[in-house]
PDB file of N, CA and C in Angstrom:
ATOM      1  N   MET A   1      13.901  15.881 -17.711  1.00  0.00           N
ATOM      2  CA  MET A   1      13.882  16.830 -16.623  1.00  0.00           C
ATOM      3  C   MET A   1      15.308  16.977 -16.081  1.00  0.00           C
ATOM      4  N   LYS A   2      15.673  18.189 -15.769  1.00  0.00           N
ATOM      5  CA  LYS A   2      17.022  18.449 -15.280  1.00  0.00           C
ATOM      6  C   LYS A   2      17.200  17.897 -13.863  1.00  0.00           C
ATOM      7  N   PRO A   3      18.415  17.452 -13.552  1.00  0.00           N
ATOM      8  CA  PRO A   3      18.664  16.860 -12.224  1.00  0.00           C
ATOM      9  C   PRO A   3      18.354  17.808 -11.067  1.00  0.00           C
ATOM     10  N   ARG A   4      18.606  19.094 -11.242  1.00  0.00           N
ATOM     11  CA  ARG A   4      18.342  19.998 -10.116  1.00  0.00           C
ATOM     12  C   ARG A   4      16.847  20.120  -9.836  1.00  0.00           C
ATOM     13  N   TYR A   5      16.011  20.007 -10.889  1.00  0.00           N
ATOM     14  CA  TYR A   5      14.567  20.033 -10.666  1.00  0.00           C
ATOM     15  C   TYR A   5      14.103  18.754  -9.982  1.00  0.00           C
ATOM     16  N   LYS A   6      14.685  17.625 -10.376  1.00  0.00           N
ATOM     17  CA  LYS A   6      14.340  16.363  -9.725  1.00  0.00           C
ATOM     18  C   LYS A   6      14.706  16.401  -8.245  1.00  0.00           C
ATOM     19  N   ILE A   7      15.892  16.914  -7.964  1.00  0.00           N
ATOM     20  CA  ILE A   7      16.339  16.998  -6.570  1.00  0.00           C
ATOM     21  C   ILE A   7      15.430  17.920  -5.773  1.00  0.00           C
ATOM     22  N   SER A   8      15.037  19.038  -6.366  1.00  0.00           N
ATOM     23  CA  SER A   8      14.168  19.971  -5.639  1.00  0.00           C
ATOM     24  C   SER A   8      12.787  19.361  -5.393  1.00  0.00           C
ATOM     25  N   ILE A   9      12.294  18.554  -6.322  1.00  0.00           N
ATOM     26  CA  ILE A   9      11.006  17.885  -6.115  1.00  0.00           C
ATOM     27  C   ILE A   9      11.123  16.861  -4.989  1.00  0.00           C
ATOM     28  N   TRP A  10      12.223  16.094  -4.973  1.00  0.00           N
ATOM     29  CA  TRP A  10      12.435  15.114  -3.899  1.00  0.00           C
ATOM     30  C   TRP A  10      12.524  15.802  -2.542  1.00  0.00           C
ATOM     31  N   VAL A  11      13.238  16.914  -2.492  1.00  0.00           N
ATOM     32  CA  VAL A  11      13.380  17.649  -1.228  1.00  0.00           C
ATOM     33  C   VAL A  11      12.031  18.205  -0.787  1.00  0.00           C
ATOM     34  N   ALA A  12      11.254  18.744  -1.729  1.00  0.00           N
ATOM     35  CA  ALA A  12       9.941  19.293  -1.386  1.00  0.00           C
ATOM     36  C   ALA A  12       9.015  18.201  -0.854  1.00  0.00           C
ATOM     37  N   LEU A  13       9.005  17.044  -1.504  1.00  0.00           N
ATOM     38  CA  LEU A  13       8.173  15.938  -1.023  1.00  0.00           C
ATOM     39  C   LEU A  13       8.611  15.457   0.354  1.00  0.00           C
ATOM     40  N   THR A  14       9.917  15.389   0.551  1.00  0.00           N
ATOM     41  CA  THR A  14      10.445  14.950   1.842  1.00  0.00           C
ATOM     42  C   THR A  14      10.080  15.925   2.950  1.00  0.00           C
ATOM     43  N   LEU A  15      10.275  17.197   2.691  1.00  0.00           N
ATOM     44  CA  LEU A  15       9.944  18.202   3.709  1.00  0.00           C
ATOM     45  C   LEU A  15       8.451  18.250   3.987  1.00  0.00           C
ATOM     46  N   ALA A  16       7.632  18.161   2.934  1.00  0.00           N
ATOM     47  CA  ALA A  16       6.182  18.193   3.127  1.00  0.00           C
ATOM     48  C   ALA A  16       5.720  16.990   3.950  1.00  0.00           C
ATOM     49  N   GLY A  17       6.226  15.819   3.626  1.00  0.00           N
ATOM     50  CA  GLY A  17       5.848  14.629   4.389  1.00  0.00           C
ATOM     51  C   GLY A  17       6.294  14.707   5.828  1.00  0.00           C
ATOM     52  N   SER A  18       7.483  15.222   6.036  1.00  0.00           N
ATOM     53  CA  SER A  18       8.007  15.334   7.397  1.00  0.00           C
ATOM     54  C   SER A  18       7.219  16.350   8.213  1.00  0.00           C
ATOM     55  N   LEU A  19       6.857  17.452   7.592  1.00  0.00           N
ATOM     56  CA  LEU A  19       6.119  18.488   8.317  1.00  0.00           C
ATOM     57  C   LEU A  19       4.667  18.090   8.563  1.00  0.00           C
ATOM     58  N   LEU A  20       4.029  17.446   7.582  1.00  0.00           N
ATOM     59  CA  LEU A  20       2.615  17.108   7.717  1.00  0.00           C
ATOM     60  C   LEU A  20       2.377  15.903   8.624  1.00  0.00           C
ATOM     61  N   TRP A  21       3.185  14.864   8.469  1.00  0.00           N
ATOM     62  CA  TRP A  21       2.929  13.633   9.206  1.00  0.00           C
ATOM     63  C   TRP A  21       3.992  13.302  10.237  1.00  0.00           C
ATOM     64  N   GLY A  22       4.962  14.143  10.375  1.00  0.00           N
ATOM     65  CA  GLY A  22       6.003  13.918  11.373  1.00  0.00           C
ATOM     66  C   GLY A  22       7.041  12.909  10.911  1.00  0.00           C
ATOM     67  N   GLY A  23       8.059  12.778  11.683  1.00  0.00           N
ATOM     68  CA  GLY A  23       9.126  11.846  11.348  1.00  0.00           C
ATOM     69  C   GLY A  23      10.363  12.577  10.874  1.00  0.00           C
ATOM     70  N   SER A  24      11.406  11.834  10.720  1.00  0.00           N
ATOM     71  CA  SER A  24      12.682  12.391  10.312  1.00  0.00           C
ATOM     72  C   SER A  24      12.682  12.695   8.818  1.00  0.00           C
ATOM     73  N   VAL A  25      13.377  13.755   8.452  1.00  0.00           N
ATOM     74  CA  VAL A  25      13.505  14.107   7.040  1.00  0.00           C
ATOM     75  C   VAL A  25      14.267  13.010   6.303  1.00  0.00           C
ATOM     76  N   TRP A  26      15.308  12.479   6.942  1.00  0.00           N
ATOM     77  CA  TRP A  26      16.104  11.430   6.303  1.00  0.00           C
ATOM     78  C   TRP A  26      15.298  10.151   6.139  1.00  0.00           C
ATOM     79  N   LEU A  27      14.418   9.869   7.094  1.00  0.00           N
ATOM     80  CA  LEU A  27      13.567   8.690   6.993  1.00  0.00           C
ATOM     81  C   LEU A  27      12.591   8.830   5.829  1.00  0.00           C
ATOM     82  N   TRP A  28      12.040  10.013   5.665  1.00  0.00           N
ATOM     83  CA  TRP A  28      11.136  10.262   4.547  1.00  0.00           C
ATOM     84  C   TRP A  28      11.865  10.142   3.218  1.00  0.00           C
ATOM     85  N   LEU A  29      13.076  10.677   3.150  1.00  0.00           N
ATOM     86  CA  LEU A  29      13.852  10.591   1.912  1.00  0.00           C
ATOM     87  C   LEU A  29      14.185   9.134   1.583  1.00  0.00           C
ATOM     88  N   ALA A  30      14.566   8.377   2.595  1.00  0.00           N
ATOM     89  CA  ALA A  30      14.857   6.956   2.379  1.00  0.00           C
ATOM     90  C   ALA A  30      13.599   6.206   1.946  1.00  0.00           C
ATOM     91  N   GLY A  31      12.466   6.546   2.546  1.00  0.00           N
ATOM     92  CA  GLY A  31      11.203   5.914   2.167  1.00  0.00           C
ATOM     93  C   GLY A  31      10.803   6.223   0.740  1.00  0.00           C
ATOM     94  N   LEU A  32      11.002   7.457   0.323  1.00  0.00           N
ATOM     95  CA  LEU A  32      10.687   7.823  -1.057  1.00  0.00           C
ATOM     96  C   LEU A  32      11.589   7.091  -2.042  1.00  0.00           C
ATOM     97  N   CYS A  33      12.861   6.993  -1.714  1.00  0.00           N
ATOM     98  CA  CYS A  33      13.798   6.273  -2.593  1.00  0.00           C
ATOM     99  C   CYS A  33      13.442   4.791  -2.661  1.00  0.00           C
ATOM    100  N   ALA A  34      13.110   4.204  -1.524  1.00  0.00           N
ATOM    101  CA  ALA A  34      12.731   2.790  -1.499  1.00  0.00           C
ATOM    102  C   ALA A  34      11.428   2.567  -2.262  1.00  0.00           C
ATOM    103  N   GLY A  35      10.476   3.479  -2.104  1.00  0.00           N
ATOM    104  CA  GLY A  35       9.216   3.371  -2.832  1.00  0.00           C
ATOM    105  C   GLY A  35       9.416   3.458  -4.335  1.00  0.00           C
ATOM    106  N   LYS A  36      10.261   4.363  -4.754  1.00  0.00           N
ATOM    107  CA  LYS A  36      10.560   4.503  -6.178  1.00  0.00           C
ATOM    108  C   LYS A  36      11.198   3.221  -6.710  1.00  0.00           C
ATOM    109  N   PHE A  37      12.121   2.652  -5.944  1.00  0.00           N
ATOM    110  CA  PHE A  37      12.773   1.403  -6.348  1.00  0.00           C
ATOM    111  C   PHE A  37      11.760   0.262  -6.454  1.00  0.00           C
ATOM    112  N   LEU A  38      10.857   0.152  -5.464  1.00  0.00           N
ATOM    113  CA  LEU A  38       9.877  -0.932  -5.477  1.00  0.00           C
ATOM    114  C   LEU A  38       8.902  -0.799  -6.637  1.00  0.00           C
ATOM    115  N   ILE A  39       8.487   0.422  -6.944  1.00  0.00           N
ATOM    116  CA  ILE A  39       7.573   0.630  -8.071  1.00  0.00           C
ATOM    117  C   ILE A  39       8.248   0.230  -9.377  1.00  0.00           C
ATOM    118  N   ARG A  40       9.511   0.633  -9.555  1.00  0.00           N
ATOM    119  CA  ARG A  40      10.236   0.246 -10.772  1.00  0.00           C
ATOM    120  C   ARG A  40      10.417  -1.266 -10.847  1.00  0.00           C
ATOM    121  N   LEU A  41      10.693  -1.891  -9.715  1.00  0.00           N
ATOM    122  CA  LEU A  41      10.865  -3.340  -9.686  1.00  0.00           C
ATOM    123  C   LEU A  41       9.567  -4.054 -10.060  1.00  0.00           C
ATOM    124  N   LEU A  42       8.444  -3.607  -9.504  1.00  0.00           N
ATOM    125  CA  LEU A  42       7.157  -4.219  -9.825  1.00  0.00           C
ATOM    126  C   LEU A  42       6.792  -4.031 -11.293  1.00  0.00           C
ATOM    127  N   LEU A  43       7.055  -2.848 -11.842  1.00  0.00           N
ATOM    128  CA  LEU A  43       6.772  -2.619 -13.259  1.00  0.00           C
ATOM    129  C   LEU A  43       7.652  -3.491 -14.149  1.00  0.00           C
ATOM    130  N   THR A  44       8.901  -3.677 -13.765  1.00  0.00           N
ATOM    131  CA  THR A  44       9.803  -4.531 -14.537  1.00  0.00           C
ATOM    132  C   THR A  44       9.341  -5.981 -14.506  1.00  0.00           C
ATOM    133  N   ILE A  45       8.938  -6.455 -13.339  1.00  0.00           N
ATOM    134  CA  ILE A  45       8.450  -7.835 -13.223  1.00  0.00           C
ATOM    135  C   ILE A  45       7.175  -8.022 -14.035  1.00  0.00           C
ATOM    136  N   THR A  46       6.278  -7.047 -13.986  1.00  0.00           N
ATOM    137  CA  THR A  46       5.040  -7.119 -14.754  1.00  0.00           C
ATOM    138  C   THR A  46       5.325  -7.166 -16.250  1.00  0.00           C
ATOM    139  N   LEU A  47       6.248  -6.342 -16.700  1.00  0.00           N
ATOM    140  CA  LEU A  47       6.615  -6.340 -18.114  1.00  0.00           C
ATOM    141  C   LEU A  47       7.241  -7.669 -18.522  1.00  0.00           C
ATOM    142  N   ALA A  48       8.084  -8.225 -17.671  1.00  0.00           N
ATOM    143  CA  ALA A  48       8.712  -9.515 -17.976  1.00  0.00           C
ATOM    144  C   ALA A  48       7.668 -10.623 -18.086  1.00  0.00           C
ATOM    145  N   ILE A  49       6.691 -10.628 -17.202  1.00  0.00           N
ATOM    146  CA  ILE A  49       5.628 -11.638 -17.256  1.00  0.00           C
ATOM    147  C   ILE A  49       4.804 -11.481 -18.528  1.00  0.00           C
ATOM    148  N   ALA A  50       4.495 -10.241 -18.899  1.00  0.00           N
ATOM    149  CA  ALA A  50       3.718  -9.997 -20.116  1.00  0.00           C
ATOM    150  C   ALA A  50       4.477 -10.468 -21.354  1.00  0.00           C
ATOM    151  N   VAL A  51       5.766 -10.185 -21.428  1.00  0.00           N
ATOM    152  CA  VAL A  51       6.575 -10.631 -22.571  1.00  0.00           C
ATOM    153  C   VAL A  51       6.655 -12.155 -22.599  1.00  0.00           C
ATOM    154  N   TYR A  52       6.783 -12.782 -21.453  1.00  0.00           N
ATOM    155  CA  TYR A  52       6.834 -14.240 -21.348  1.00  0.00           C
ATOM    156  C   TYR A  52       5.543 -14.861 -21.885  1.00  0.00           C
ATOM    157  N   ILE A  53       4.411 -14.330 -21.468  1.00  0.00           N
ATOM    158  CA  ILE A  53       3.119 -14.851 -21.926  1.00  0.00           C
ATOM    159  C   ILE A  53       2.954 -14.640 -23.424  1.00  0.00           C
ATOM    160  N   LEU A  54       3.326 -13.463 -23.919  1.00  0.00           N
ATOM    161  CA  LEU A  54       3.197 -13.197 -25.352  1.00  0.00           C
ATOM    162  C   LEU A  54       4.118 -14.090 -26.180  1.00  0.00           C
ATOM    163  N   ALA A  55       5.306 -14.371 -25.687  1.00  0.00           N
ATOM    164  CA  ALA A  55       6.224 -15.250 -26.412  1.00  0.00           C
ATOM    165  C   ALA A  55       5.647 -16.662 -26.508  1.00  0.00           C
ATOM    166  N   TYR A  56       5.106 -17.167 -25.410  1.00  0.00           N
ATOM    167  CA  TYR A  56       4.507 -18.493 -25.459  1.00  0.00           C
ATOM    168  C   TYR A  56       3.263 -18.510 -26.332  1.00  0.00           C
ATOM    169  N   ALA A  57       2.473 -17.451 -26.318  1.00  0.00           N
ATOM    170  CA  ALA A  57       1.301 -17.377 -27.187  1.00  0.00           C
ATOM    171  C   ALA A  57       1.726 -17.393 -28.653  1.00  0.00           C
ATOM    172  N   LEU A  58       2.821 -16.719 -28.975  1.00  0.00           N
ATOM    173  CA  LEU A  58       3.328 -16.715 -30.343  1.00  0.00           C
ATOM    174  C   LEU A  58       3.796 -18.108 -30.756  1.00  0.00           C
ATOM    175  N   ILE A  59       4.487 -18.796 -29.863  1.00  0.00           N
ATOM    176  CA  ILE A  59       4.958 -20.150 -30.170  1.00  0.00           C
ATOM    177  C   ILE A  59       3.782 -21.101 -30.380  1.00  0.00           C
ATOM    178  N   ILE A  60       2.817 -21.064 -29.479  1.00  0.00           N
ATOM    179  CA  ILE A  60       1.652 -21.949 -29.590  1.00  0.00           C
ATOM    180  C   ILE A  60       0.845 -21.602 -30.834  1.00  0.00           C
ATOM    181  N   GLY A  61       0.676 -20.319 -31.111  1.00  0.00           N
ATOM    182  CA  GLY A  61      -0.043 -19.905 -32.317  1.00  0.00           C
ATOM    183  C   GLY A  61       0.647 -20.366 -33.582  1.00  0.00           C
ATOM    184  N   THR A  62       1.968 -20.290 -33.601  1.00  0.00           N
ATOM    185  CA  THR A  62       2.723 -20.741 -34.772  1.00  0.00           C
ATOM    186  C   THR A  62       2.573 -22.243 -34.978  1.00  0.00           C
ATOM    187  N   ILE A  63       2.661 -22.997 -33.898  1.00  0.00           N
ATOM    188  CA  ILE A  63       2.501 -24.456 -34.002  1.00  0.00           C
ATOM    189  C   ILE A  63       1.103 -24.804 -34.500  1.00  0.00           C
ATOM    190  N   LEU A  64       0.084 -24.158 -33.953  1.00  0.00           N
ATOM    191  CA  LEU A  64      -1.284 -24.432 -34.399  1.00  0.00           C
ATOM    192  C   LEU A  64      -1.484 -24.040 -35.855  1.00  0.00           C
ATOM    193  N   TRP A  65      -0.889 -22.939 -36.271  1.00  0.00           N
ATOM    194  CA  TRP A  65      -1.014 -22.496 -37.654  1.00  0.00           C
ATOM    195  C   TRP A  65      -0.377 -23.519 -38.601  1.00  0.00           C
ATOM    196  N   ILE A  66       0.783 -24.040 -38.213  1.00  0.00           N
ATOM    197  CA  ILE A  66       1.451 -25.046 -39.040  1.00  0.00           C
ATOM    198  C   ILE A  66       0.616 -26.330 -39.095  1.00  0.00           C
ATOM    199  N   LEU A  67       0.052 -26.737 -37.971  1.00  0.00           N
ATOM    200  CA  LEU A  67      -0.746 -27.965 -37.949  1.00  0.00           C
ATOM    201  C   LEU A  67      -2.045 -27.825 -38.736  1.00  0.00           C
ATOM    202  N   ILE A  68      -2.663 -26.656 -38.668  1.00  0.00           N
ATOM    203  CA  ILE A  68      -3.936 -26.455 -39.359  1.00  0.00           C
ATOM    204  C   ILE A  68      -3.726 -26.368 -40.871  1.00  0.00           C
ATOM    205  N   SER A  69      -2.661 -25.714 -41.293  1.00  0.00           N
ATOM    206  CA  SER A  69      -2.447 -25.534 -42.736  1.00  0.00           C
ATOM    207  C   SER A  69      -1.656 -26.661 -43.325  1.00  0.00           C
TER     208      SER A  69
END
């Protein structure tokens, strides 16, 4: 997506939130940016935990396979 479309979507969301629920436009923009950051952070942490679990499962599976055979 082109940067100007992204910016226009952010501005539209900020203005809509400010008009519908009140508050400062800058506060809404900061909240949207913070929310986007937190969602990305949570997804990154979730992915890291999943990779960690899969790596240990692979190690344990390999050890069991060697012991069984």
